[in-house]
Amino acid sequence: MLINIVPIGNSKGIRIPKAILDQCDIENEVDLEVENGKIIIEPIKR
C-alpha cells in the first residue's frame, strides 16, 4: 500500500486507514521502532 507522507507542523506524518487500525486493534497509542532501516509500528499490548 502506498501512503503519502504529510506535513504536521514542523514534523511529518502518515495517515493510517481506519481498516488497518481496526484490523490491528489500534486506538490511540502505538510502539514505534526503527530496525534495519525500517519503521516498525506495533499496537501497545495491554
Protein backbone atom coordinates (compact mmCIF):
# COMPACT_ATOMS: atom_id res chain seq x y z
CA MET A 1 0.00 0.00 0.00
CA LEU A 2 1.36 3.40 -0.95
CA ILE A 3 0.77 6.16 1.62
CA ASN A 4 1.87 9.77 1.31
CA ILE A 5 3.94 11.49 3.99
CA VAL A 6 2.20 14.71 5.04
CA PRO A 7 3.41 17.79 6.93
CA ILE A 8 2.25 18.09 10.56
CA GLY A 9 3.62 21.33 11.99
CA ASN A 10 7.43 21.06 11.90
CA SER A 11 7.23 17.26 11.59
CA LYS A 12 5.94 14.78 9.02
CA GLY A 13 3.39 12.00 9.46
CA ILE A 14 1.27 9.38 7.76
CA ARG A 15 -2.45 8.72 7.81
CA ILE A 16 -3.23 5.11 8.63
CA PRO A 17 -6.53 3.91 7.12
CA LYS A 18 -9.25 3.00 9.65
CA ALA A 19 -9.50 -0.53 8.26
CA ILE A 20 -5.84 -1.16 9.16
CA LEU A 21 -6.24 0.41 12.61
CA ASP A 22 -9.27 -1.82 13.25
CA GLN A 23 -7.50 -4.93 11.96
CA CYS A 24 -4.54 -4.29 14.31
CA ASP A 25 -6.76 -3.20 17.23
CA ILE A 26 -5.01 0.20 17.42
CA GLU A 27 -6.79 3.07 19.16
CA ASN A 28 -4.60 5.96 20.39
CA GLU A 29 -1.03 4.83 21.06
CA VAL A 30 1.49 2.62 19.28
CA ASP A 31 5.05 1.44 19.85
CA LEU A 32 7.40 2.93 17.22
CA GLU A 33 10.84 1.46 16.46
CA VAL A 34 13.41 1.54 13.69
CA GLU A 35 15.00 -1.80 12.72
CA ASN A 36 17.42 -2.25 9.82
CA GLY A 37 16.23 0.97 8.17
CA LYS A 38 12.53 0.08 8.50
CA ILE A 39 9.91 1.82 10.63
CA ILE A 40 8.02 -0.70 12.77
CA ILE A 41 4.65 0.37 14.23
CA GLU A 42 3.04 -2.05 16.70
CA PRO A 43 -0.05 -1.83 18.90
CA ILE A 44 0.55 -1.33 22.62
CA LYS A 45 -0.07 -4.67 24.32
CA ARG A 46 -2.15 -4.00 27.44
